[in-house]
Amino acid sequence: MKKILISNIGNRNLKIDGKFISKIFDSDENSSFREQTRLIAEQLKAGTLVSKPEPVIINEVIEKEKDQLEKVYLISSDMPDKLRNDQDTVFEGEILCHILKEIYPDIIFENIPFSASVFVHDELFPSYRNFLLKIKKQESGKHIIYCDAGGTSQQKFAAKISLEYLFEPHQFTVYYVAQEQKGQSKVIRGESYEYRKIIDLEHAIQAIHSAAYPLAKNLLIANGYQPSGIECGLLEFIELRSRFLIKETRKKADALIREKQCTPSVINYLKNISFGKFEGWEKLLTPTDFFQLSEILAIVQWKYSVGVVEQSVHFFSMFIENYIHCVLKNQFQYDFGTQYEDAYSNFLTDYSNGRFTFPDYIDPNKRGLPPLIELTSQIKHSKNIQICDCFKKINSRNACKNVGIDTLRNNYAHKGLGVKAQSLKDRGFLDEIEKCFVLFNMDFRRNYYEEMHLEITEMLRK
């Protein structure tokens, strides 16, 4: 495979008669590196240079890769006069290209001057990015060798970061200059993704906190984490859990529990240890029912906390339906969850036989939540009466008259209309939602998913 070399150059990549230029001209206060290299470049072109110029560091990298090396780009500085440009390397780049071409005649050398300030990251990043994008297009398929031979720390950082994010690890090789004793330097091969690993890890952590679980997983895998490892497994677990995919979540949790490392949230999930407290609900719900209902409430709080109010409303509507289905199945054996038609038919038969009585504004024949809320509210249990009272207050047909939380949910599901957090507060819906949390011994201000996120991110940062 053909290769190209890209290297920053600095004041110590060129010697004249065995000495660095900065040392030769230290005694002349009127001289500068830029000016002296300009004079040397002119003499070199004219054939009048009596001194001997020689490359430093760069030639060592070329020597290591010369069999497949096709082209060398030397990135030099050529800042405008308004900046302090006395140390610019633009003419040094011309000199190095000239003398290196004599040593390696089969290799193409090109000096690439940047006008950006060598001390300002915000100026350097666009310069390196644009240059590397051009290289990516023009030199497609060729392996890149990057040499950290010279330049300011800002130049080196901008070049390396840009390289790491524009190319995959297998597409480039890095050489660093290691300082040894007595001012000597040694070229060593380095890590391709040293900065990106750190930055991408933080990006992955931010993605986790934002619930962008697939993005977080992809970032981790790109930076060496195993797809089958504990970290990616935990991300899969929490994503499945957040989508209320019960069977898939339990299956994933069961697989994770066999790993050497696990988190309390996974263990608690498998043991059906809920976010709420079951005391007081024993006569109405099974422990499994309570656990799953608590799961939905945790999602309601989390969606609301991150500003996705529409989904919070959707999941709370789902909580209402699931609560009613569980209670009616446990108390009256009406299985509205899996056999809705049969359950409703049985209910209507019981209603016509006088088992239940409804207020005039509720028509039992008009199917939907309102008659089921009314039916559930007739179960004489303190917590149940309180929670059904909350359901009634926020349902459009039971109490709210035209606009209820079910209206907001339907507008979102069927019309694509969003929901503002303020509208929940103004209509009093949020107060009723919070009461439901209290009845389940849960705190609406506690972010249960953020706690699970922290379990994963703490593991990643260790």
Protein backbone atom coordinates (compact mmCIF):
# COMPACT_ATOMS: atom_id res chain seq x y z
CA MET A 1 0.00 0.00 0.00
CA LYS A 2 1.25 3.46 -0.91
CA LYS A 3 1.80 5.81 2.01
CA ILE A 4 1.94 9.56 2.55
CA LEU A 5 3.65 11.37 5.41
CA ILE A 6 2.21 14.46 7.09
CA SER A 7 4.33 16.35 9.57
CA ASN A 8 4.35 19.66 11.40
CA ILE A 9 7.74 21.31 11.37
CA GLY A 10 9.33 23.56 13.99
CA ASN A 11 12.52 25.53 14.52
CA ARG A 12 14.48 22.41 15.47
CA ASN A 13 13.81 20.36 12.34
CA LEU A 14 16.70 21.94 10.44
CA LYS A 15 20.42 22.26 11.15
CA ILE A 16 23.05 24.31 9.36
CA ASP A 17 26.59 22.93 9.59
CA GLY A 18 25.49 20.75 12.49
CA LYS A 19 23.89 23.54 14.54
CA PHE A 20 20.32 24.70 15.01
CA ILE A 21 19.61 28.06 13.38
CA SER A 22 18.39 29.61 16.63
CA LYS A 23 21.83 29.05 18.17
CA ILE A 24 23.74 30.38 15.16
CA PHE A 25 21.95 33.71 15.14
CA ASP A 26 21.37 34.28 18.85
CA SER A 27 24.04 36.99 18.89
CA ASP A 28 22.38 39.00 16.12
CA GLU A 29 19.41 40.85 17.64
CA ASN A 30 18.16 41.97 14.23
CA SER A 31 17.84 38.47 12.88
CA SER A 32 14.85 36.15 13.17
CA PHE A 33 14.25 32.53 12.31
CA ARG A 34 11.90 33.50 9.50
CA GLU A 35 14.34 36.00 8.01
CA GLN A 36 17.39 33.77 8.27
CA THR A 37 15.61 30.80 6.70
CA ARG A 38 14.35 33.09 3.94
CA LEU A 39 17.95 34.05 3.13
CA ILE A 40 19.08 30.43 3.24
CA ALA A 41 16.23 29.39 0.94
CA GLU A 42 17.18 32.09 -1.59
CA GLN A 43 20.85 31.05 -1.51
CA LEU A 44 19.86 27.41 -1.87
CA LYS A 45 17.79 28.16 -4.97
CA ALA A 46 20.55 30.32 -6.43
CA GLY A 47 23.19 27.68 -5.73
CA THR A 48 25.27 30.08 -3.63
CA LEU A 49 24.78 28.47 -0.22
CA VAL A 50 28.16 27.44 1.18
CA SER A 51 26.81 26.01 4.43
CA LYS A 52 25.42 22.50 4.73
CA PRO A 53 21.72 22.20 5.63
CA GLU A 54 20.42 18.92 7.02
CA PRO A 55 17.02 17.68 8.21
CA VAL A 56 16.32 16.64 11.78
CA ILE A 57 13.79 14.00 12.91
CA ILE A 58 11.71 13.98 9.72
CA ASN A 59 14.36 12.10 7.79
CA GLU A 60 14.35 9.39 10.49
CA VAL A 61 10.65 8.74 9.90
CA ILE A 62 11.14 8.79 6.13
CA GLU A 63 13.94 6.27 6.50
CA LYS A 64 11.63 3.91 8.40
CA GLU A 65 8.87 4.11 5.76
CA LYS A 66 10.75 4.94 2.54
CA ASP A 67 9.98 1.67 0.72
CA GLN A 68 6.28 2.53 0.40
CA LEU A 69 6.36 6.28 0.92
CA GLU A 70 5.04 8.21 -2.06
CA LYS A 71 4.61 11.77 -0.82
CA VAL A 72 5.53 14.00 2.11
CA TYR A 73 3.53 17.04 3.25
CA LEU A 74 5.37 19.41 5.58
CA ILE A 75 3.02 21.78 7.42
CA SER A 76 4.72 25.09 8.11
CA SER A 77 3.61 28.46 9.53
CA ASP A 78 3.22 31.67 7.52
CA MET A 79 1.34 34.06 9.77
CA PRO A 80 0.42 37.60 8.62
CA ASP A 81 2.64 40.54 9.53
CA LYS A 82 0.13 41.82 12.11
CA LEU A 83 1.04 38.81 14.26
CA ARG A 84 4.42 38.02 15.70
CA ASN A 85 5.71 35.84 12.87
CA ASP A 86 9.48 36.03 13.39
CA GLN A 87 9.59 32.28 14.21
CA ASP A 88 7.56 31.20 11.17
CA THR A 89 8.71 28.03 9.42
CA VAL A 90 7.42 28.71 5.88
CA PHE A 91 10.93 29.09 4.43
CA GLU A 92 12.28 26.25 6.54
CA GLY A 93 9.63 24.10 4.82
CA GLU A 94 11.02 25.11 1.41
CA ILE A 95 14.55 24.26 2.52
CA LEU A 96 13.55 20.87 3.93
CA CYS A 97 11.64 19.96 0.77
CA HIS A 98 14.70 20.85 -1.33
CA ILE A 99 17.28 18.89 0.67
CA LEU A 100 14.99 15.92 1.36
CA LYS A 101 14.27 15.62 -2.37
CA GLU A 102 18.00 15.30 -2.98
CA ILE A 103 18.21 12.49 -0.41
CA TYR A 104 15.00 10.74 -1.54
CA PRO A 105 14.52 11.56 -5.24
CA ASP A 106 11.63 9.09 -5.73
CA ILE A 107 9.45 10.78 -3.11
CA ILE A 108 7.36 13.92 -3.72
CA PHE A 109 7.78 16.70 -1.14
CA GLU A 110 5.37 19.59 -0.66
CA ASN A 111 5.50 22.52 1.75
CA ILE A 112 2.03 23.46 3.12
CA PRO A 113 2.09 26.89 4.82
CA PHE A 114 -0.78 27.72 7.22
CA SER A 115 -1.61 31.37 7.89
CA ALA A 116 -3.48 30.54 11.12
CA SER A 117 -1.93 31.64 14.39
CA VAL A 118 0.16 28.78 15.75
CA PHE A 119 -1.09 29.57 19.27
CA VAL A 120 -4.86 29.71 18.68
CA HIS A 121 -6.76 26.42 18.59
CA ASP A 122 -9.86 28.01 17.05
CA GLU A 123 -7.81 29.10 14.03
CA LEU A 124 -5.75 25.95 13.73
CA PHE A 125 -8.58 23.41 13.80
CA PRO A 126 -10.29 24.66 10.59
CA SER A 127 -6.91 24.76 8.83
CA TYR A 128 -6.02 21.18 9.72
CA ARG A 129 -9.53 19.92 9.13
CA ASN A 130 -9.74 21.45 5.64
CA PHE A 131 -6.27 20.20 4.74
CA LEU A 132 -6.96 16.66 5.96
CA LEU A 133 -10.34 16.53 4.21
CA LYS A 134 -8.55 17.48 1.00
CA ILE A 135 -5.98 14.75 1.61
CA LYS A 136 -8.73 12.25 2.36
CA LYS A 137 -10.25 12.97 -1.03
CA GLN A 138 -7.08 13.32 -3.11
CA GLU A 139 -5.10 10.52 -1.50
CA SER A 140 -7.99 8.09 -1.05
CA GLY A 141 -6.89 4.57 -0.20
CA LYS A 142 -3.39 5.57 0.87
CA HIS A 143 -2.10 4.99 4.37
CA ILE A 144 -1.24 8.15 6.31
CA ILE A 145 1.82 8.50 8.48
CA TYR A 146 1.69 11.38 10.92
CA CYS A 147 4.89 12.65 12.52
CA ASP A 148 4.83 14.89 15.56
CA ALA A 149 8.20 16.33 14.59
CA GLY A 150 7.81 19.99 15.47
CA GLY A 151 5.60 23.03 15.84
CA THR A 152 3.79 24.46 18.84
CA SER A 153 1.80 22.31 21.24
CA GLN A 154 -1.35 23.88 19.78
CA GLN A 155 -0.34 22.79 16.26
CA LYS A 156 0.37 19.25 17.42
CA PHE A 157 -2.91 19.00 19.31
CA ALA A 158 -5.02 20.38 16.45
CA ALA A 159 -3.34 18.10 13.93
CA LYS A 160 -3.73 14.96 16.04
CA ILE A 161 -7.34 15.57 17.07
CA SER A 162 -8.35 16.34 13.47
CA LEU A 163 -6.57 13.24 12.23
CA GLU A 164 -8.23 10.99 14.81
CA TYR A 165 -11.73 12.16 13.94
CA LEU A 166 -11.36 12.15 10.16
CA PHE A 167 -9.63 8.79 9.78
CA GLU A 168 -10.11 5.33 11.26
CA PRO A 169 -7.26 3.81 13.33
CA HIS A 170 -6.21 1.40 10.58
CA GLN A 171 -5.84 4.28 8.12
CA PHE A 172 -2.93 6.02 9.81
CA THR A 173 0.25 5.49 11.81
CA VAL A 174 1.68 7.93 14.34
CA TYR A 175 5.30 8.70 15.17
CA TYR A 176 6.24 10.83 18.17
CA VAL A 177 9.49 12.50 19.11
CA ALA A 178 10.64 11.37 22.55
CA GLN A 179 13.15 13.57 24.34
CA GLU A 180 16.10 11.68 25.81
CA GLN A 181 19.15 12.67 27.83
CA LYS A 182 21.58 15.40 26.71
CA GLY A 183 19.02 16.96 24.36
CA GLN A 184 18.84 13.92 22.11
CA SER A 185 15.58 12.86 20.48
CA LYS A 186 14.20 9.52 19.46
CA VAL A 187 11.35 8.69 17.08
CA ILE A 188 8.87 6.18 18.48
CA ARG A 189 5.60 4.80 17.22
CA GLY A 190 2.55 6.06 19.13
CA GLU A 191 -1.15 5.52 19.77
CA SER A 192 -3.54 6.42 16.96
CA TYR A 193 -6.60 7.27 19.05
CA GLU A 194 -5.18 8.65 22.30
CA TYR A 195 -7.28 11.84 22.39
CA ARG A 196 -10.35 10.42 20.72
CA LYS A 197 -10.64 7.64 23.28
CA ILE A 198 -10.90 10.18 26.09
CA ILE A 199 -13.20 12.55 24.24
CA ASP A 200 -15.42 9.82 22.84
CA LEU A 201 -15.75 8.27 26.28
CA GLU A 202 -17.09 11.59 27.56
CA HIS A 203 -19.35 11.82 24.49
CA ALA A 204 -20.61 8.32 25.25
CA ILE A 205 -21.30 9.30 28.86
CA GLN A 206 -23.24 12.37 27.73
CA ALA A 207 -25.16 10.17 25.28
CA ILE A 208 -26.07 7.84 28.15
CA HIS A 209 -27.39 10.74 30.22
CA SER A 210 -29.41 11.85 27.18
CA ALA A 211 -30.79 8.32 26.65
CA ALA A 212 -29.04 8.00 23.28
CA TYR A 213 -28.08 4.44 24.19
CA PRO A 214 -27.30 3.11 20.66
CA LEU A 215 -25.02 6.12 20.04
CA ALA A 216 -23.25 5.55 23.35
CA LYS A 217 -22.78 1.87 22.53
CA ASN A 218 -21.36 2.64 19.07
CA LEU A 219 -18.91 5.15 20.56
CA LEU A 220 -17.72 2.60 23.10
CA ILE A 221 -17.28 -0.13 20.49
CA ALA A 222 -15.37 2.27 18.22
CA ASN A 223 -12.98 2.87 21.11
CA GLY A 224 -12.20 -0.71 21.95
CA TYR A 225 -15.06 -1.87 24.16
CA GLN A 226 -16.36 -5.32 23.31
CA PRO A 227 -19.96 -5.55 22.01
CA SER A 228 -20.43 -8.55 24.31
CA GLY A 229 -18.83 -6.80 27.29
CA ILE A 230 -20.52 -5.69 30.49
CA GLU A 231 -20.63 -2.00 29.51
CA CYS A 232 -22.46 -2.55 26.22
CA GLY A 233 -24.65 -5.15 27.90
CA LEU A 234 -25.75 -2.64 30.53
CA LEU A 235 -26.63 -0.14 27.81
CA GLU A 236 -28.75 -2.75 26.07
CA PHE A 237 -30.43 -3.56 29.38
CA ILE A 238 -31.34 0.02 30.21
CA GLU A 239 -32.56 0.70 26.67
CA LEU A 240 -34.88 -2.32 26.79
CA ARG A 241 -36.03 -1.32 30.25
CA SER A 242 -36.77 2.25 29.17
CA ARG A 243 -38.95 0.92 26.35
CA PHE A 244 -40.85 -1.31 28.79
CA LEU A 245 -39.95 -4.46 26.85
CA ILE A 246 -40.40 -6.74 29.84
CA LYS A 247 -39.45 -10.16 28.45
CA GLU A 248 -36.42 -8.83 26.58
CA THR A 249 -35.27 -6.83 29.61
CA ARG A 250 -35.47 -9.85 31.91
CA LYS A 251 -33.62 -11.99 29.40
CA LYS A 252 -30.84 -9.40 29.18
CA ALA A 253 -30.70 -9.00 32.95
CA ASP A 254 -30.45 -12.76 33.35
CA ALA A 255 -27.49 -12.83 30.95
CA LEU A 256 -25.79 -9.92 32.73
CA ILE A 257 -26.12 -11.49 36.17
CA ARG A 258 -23.78 -14.24 35.02
CA GLU A 259 -21.03 -11.70 34.32
CA LYS A 260 -18.30 -11.07 36.84
CA GLN A 261 -19.49 -7.47 37.20
CA CYS A 262 -23.04 -6.26 37.48
CA THR A 263 -24.95 -3.31 38.91
CA PRO A 264 -27.55 -3.13 41.70
CA SER A 265 -30.22 -2.01 39.22
CA VAL A 266 -29.88 -5.27 37.26
CA ILE A 267 -29.94 -7.40 40.40
CA ASN A 268 -32.99 -5.55 41.75
CA TYR A 269 -34.78 -5.92 38.43
CA LEU A 270 -34.37 -9.68 38.44
CA LYS A 271 -35.55 -9.84 42.06
CA ASN A 272 -38.60 -7.66 41.29
CA ILE A 273 -37.41 -5.07 43.81
CA SER A 274 -39.38 -2.03 42.75
CA PHE A 275 -38.65 1.68 42.93
CA GLY A 276 -41.73 2.08 45.14
CA LYS A 277 -42.85 0.37 48.35
CA PHE A 278 -45.42 -2.38 48.19
CA GLU A 279 -46.89 -1.90 51.66
CA GLY A 280 -50.60 -1.10 51.56
CA TRP A 281 -51.18 -2.52 48.10
CA GLU A 282 -51.23 -6.21 49.01
CA LYS A 283 -55.01 -6.62 48.72
CA LEU A 284 -55.17 -4.95 45.30
CA LEU A 285 -52.03 -5.87 43.38
CA THR A 286 -49.60 -8.74 43.12
CA PRO A 287 -45.91 -7.94 43.78
CA THR A 288 -45.25 -8.41 40.05
CA ASP A 289 -48.06 -5.99 39.16
CA PHE A 290 -46.69 -3.42 41.56
CA PHE A 291 -43.17 -3.84 40.24
CA GLN A 292 -44.23 -3.28 36.62
CA LEU A 293 -46.40 -0.30 37.50
CA SER A 294 -43.47 1.23 39.39
CA GLU A 295 -41.35 0.69 36.27
CA ILE A 296 -43.80 2.74 34.21
CA LEU A 297 -43.85 5.55 36.78
CA ALA A 298 -40.05 5.71 36.74
CA ILE A 299 -40.18 6.22 32.97
CA VAL A 300 -42.87 8.90 33.42
CA GLN A 301 -40.58 10.84 35.78
CA TRP A 302 -37.50 10.38 33.60
CA LYS A 303 -39.19 11.51 30.38
CA TYR A 304 -40.58 14.57 32.16
CA SER A 305 -37.17 15.41 33.71
CA VAL A 306 -35.45 15.50 30.30
CA GLY A 307 -38.21 17.60 28.74
CA VAL A 308 -39.86 14.91 26.61
CA VAL A 309 -43.24 15.78 28.06
CA GLU A 310 -45.25 14.10 25.30
CA GLN A 311 -43.71 10.73 26.08
CA SER A 312 -44.15 11.34 29.80
CA VAL A 313 -47.88 11.89 29.19
CA HIS A 314 -48.00 8.80 26.99
CA PHE A 315 -46.41 6.60 29.66
CA PHE A 316 -48.62 7.99 32.40
CA SER A 317 -51.66 7.16 30.27
CA MET A 318 -50.18 3.69 29.96
CA PHE A 319 -49.77 3.57 33.74
CA ILE A 320 -53.49 4.37 34.21
CA GLU A 321 -54.55 1.61 31.82
CA ASN A 322 -52.19 -0.96 33.33
CA TYR A 323 -53.22 -0.13 36.88
CA ILE A 324 -56.91 -0.52 36.02
CA HIS A 325 -56.31 -3.77 34.15
CA CYS A 326 -54.34 -5.25 37.05
CA VAL A 327 -56.85 -4.25 39.72
CA LEU A 328 -59.93 -5.35 37.77
CA LYS A 329 -58.34 -8.69 36.97
CA ASN A 330 -57.36 -9.29 40.60
CA GLN A 331 -60.69 -8.10 42.05
CA PHE A 332 -63.32 -9.05 39.47
CA GLN A 333 -61.46 -11.47 37.15
CA TYR A 334 -62.03 -9.13 34.18
CA ASP A 335 -58.96 -9.61 31.97
CA PHE A 336 -58.99 -6.35 30.03
CA GLY A 337 -55.26 -6.66 29.39
CA THR A 338 -55.33 -9.75 27.13
CA GLN A 339 -59.04 -10.55 26.54
CA TYR A 340 -60.64 -7.14 26.28
CA GLU A 341 -63.81 -8.09 24.38
CA ASP A 342 -64.70 -10.98 26.67
CA ALA A 343 -63.90 -8.91 29.74
CA TYR A 344 -66.07 -6.01 28.59
CA SER A 345 -68.92 -8.34 27.71
CA ASN A 346 -68.78 -9.89 31.18
CA PHE A 347 -68.68 -6.47 32.78
CA LEU A 348 -71.74 -5.27 30.84
CA THR A 349 -73.63 -8.41 31.86
CA ASP A 350 -72.78 -7.78 35.51
CA TYR A 351 -73.73 -4.13 35.15
CA SER A 352 -77.12 -4.97 33.61
CA ASN A 353 -77.72 -7.41 36.47
CA GLY A 354 -77.27 -4.53 38.94
CA ARG A 355 -73.84 -5.47 40.29
CA PHE A 356 -72.57 -1.93 39.66
CA THR A 357 -74.17 1.52 39.41
CA PHE A 358 -72.62 4.49 37.59
CA PRO A 359 -73.33 8.24 37.68
CA ASP A 360 -75.44 9.57 34.81
CA TYR A 361 -72.50 11.16 32.94
CA ILE A 362 -70.76 7.78 32.54
CA ASP A 363 -72.21 5.49 29.86
CA PRO A 364 -70.94 1.92 30.43
CA ASN A 365 -71.76 1.03 26.83
CA LYS A 366 -69.37 3.67 25.53
CA ARG A 367 -66.15 1.75 25.71
CA GLY A 368 -62.95 3.33 26.90
CA LEU A 369 -61.24 4.38 30.10
CA PRO A 370 -64.00 6.47 31.74
CA PRO A 371 -66.31 3.53 32.61
CA LEU A 372 -63.30 1.42 33.64
CA ILE A 373 -62.01 4.19 35.91
CA GLU A 374 -65.48 4.47 37.46
CA LEU A 375 -65.65 0.69 37.86
CA THR A 376 -62.22 0.55 39.52
CA SER A 377 -63.11 3.41 41.88
CA GLN A 378 -65.94 1.33 43.36
CA ILE A 379 -63.42 -1.00 45.00
CA LYS A 380 -63.40 0.11 48.63
CA HIS A 381 -59.71 0.44 49.36
CA SER A 382 -58.13 3.64 50.67
CA LYS A 383 -55.19 3.83 48.25
CA ASN A 384 -57.32 2.71 45.33
CA ILE A 385 -59.99 5.36 46.03
CA GLN A 386 -57.29 8.04 46.18
CA ILE A 387 -55.56 7.00 42.97
CA CYS A 388 -58.84 6.65 41.09
CA ASP A 389 -59.75 10.13 42.26
CA CYS A 390 -56.53 11.34 40.58
CA PHE A 391 -57.43 9.46 37.39
CA LYS A 392 -60.91 11.01 37.34
CA LYS A 393 -59.62 14.55 37.80
CA ILE A 394 -57.38 14.32 34.76
CA ASN A 395 -59.67 12.39 32.41
CA SER A 396 -61.67 14.40 29.89
CA ARG A 397 -64.95 12.51 30.38
CA ASN A 398 -64.80 11.76 34.09
CA ALA A 399 -64.12 15.25 35.37
CA CYS A 400 -62.10 17.54 33.10
CA LYS A 401 -64.79 18.28 30.55
CA ASN A 402 -63.28 18.12 27.06
CA VAL A 403 -59.55 18.43 27.83
CA GLY A 404 -57.85 15.80 29.95
CA ILE A 405 -54.53 14.05 29.96
CA ASP A 406 -56.09 11.51 27.61
CA THR A 407 -56.76 14.37 25.19
CA LEU A 408 -53.10 15.39 25.29
CA ARG A 409 -52.02 11.79 24.80
CA ASN A 410 -54.37 11.29 21.82
CA ASN A 411 -53.32 14.58 20.23
CA TYR A 412 -49.69 13.44 20.49
CA ALA A 413 -50.32 9.84 19.31
CA HIS A 414 -52.74 10.61 16.48
CA LYS A 415 -52.07 14.21 15.46
CA GLY A 416 -48.39 14.60 16.31
CA LEU A 417 -49.07 17.55 18.64
CA GLY A 418 -46.53 18.29 21.33
CA VAL A 419 -47.18 18.95 25.00
CA LYS A 420 -45.65 21.75 27.06
CA ALA A 421 -44.67 21.11 30.66
CA GLN A 422 -46.40 24.34 31.65
CA SER A 423 -49.73 23.09 30.31
CA LEU A 424 -49.55 20.10 32.70
CA LYS A 425 -48.96 22.48 35.59
CA ASP A 426 -51.58 25.02 34.57
CA ARG A 427 -54.30 22.37 34.22
CA GLY A 428 -53.39 20.78 37.54
CA PHE A 429 -52.44 17.50 35.85
CA LEU A 430 -48.94 17.50 37.29
CA ASP A 431 -50.27 17.72 40.85
CA GLU A 432 -52.40 14.61 40.29
CA ILE A 433 -49.48 12.74 38.72
CA GLU A 434 -47.33 13.56 41.74
CA LYS A 435 -50.07 12.26 44.07
CA CYS A 436 -49.92 8.91 42.25
CA PHE A 437 -46.18 8.80 42.90
CA VAL A 438 -46.77 9.45 46.59
CA LEU A 439 -49.35 6.66 46.74
CA PHE A 440 -46.74 4.30 45.24
CA ASN A 441 -44.16 5.58 47.74
CA MET A 442 -42.09 7.06 44.94
CA ASP A 443 -40.61 10.56 44.62
CA PHE A 444 -41.49 12.45 41.45
CA ARG A 445 -38.38 14.61 41.95
CA ARG A 446 -36.09 11.60 42.09
CA ASN A 447 -34.61 10.68 38.71
CA TYR A 448 -34.50 6.87 38.84
CA TYR A 449 -33.02 6.53 35.36
CA GLU A 450 -30.30 9.05 36.07
CA GLU A 451 -29.26 6.87 39.01
CA MET A 452 -28.94 3.90 36.63
CA HIS A 453 -26.99 6.07 34.21
CA LEU A 454 -24.54 6.94 36.98
CA GLU A 455 -23.99 3.24 37.69
CA ILE A 456 -22.78 2.76 34.12
CA THR A 457 -20.79 5.99 33.82
CA GLU A 458 -18.95 5.36 37.07
CA MET A 459 -17.96 1.96 35.74
CA LEU A 460 -16.73 3.53 32.48
CA ARG A 461 -14.60 6.12 34.26
CA LYS A 462 -12.81 3.61 36.49
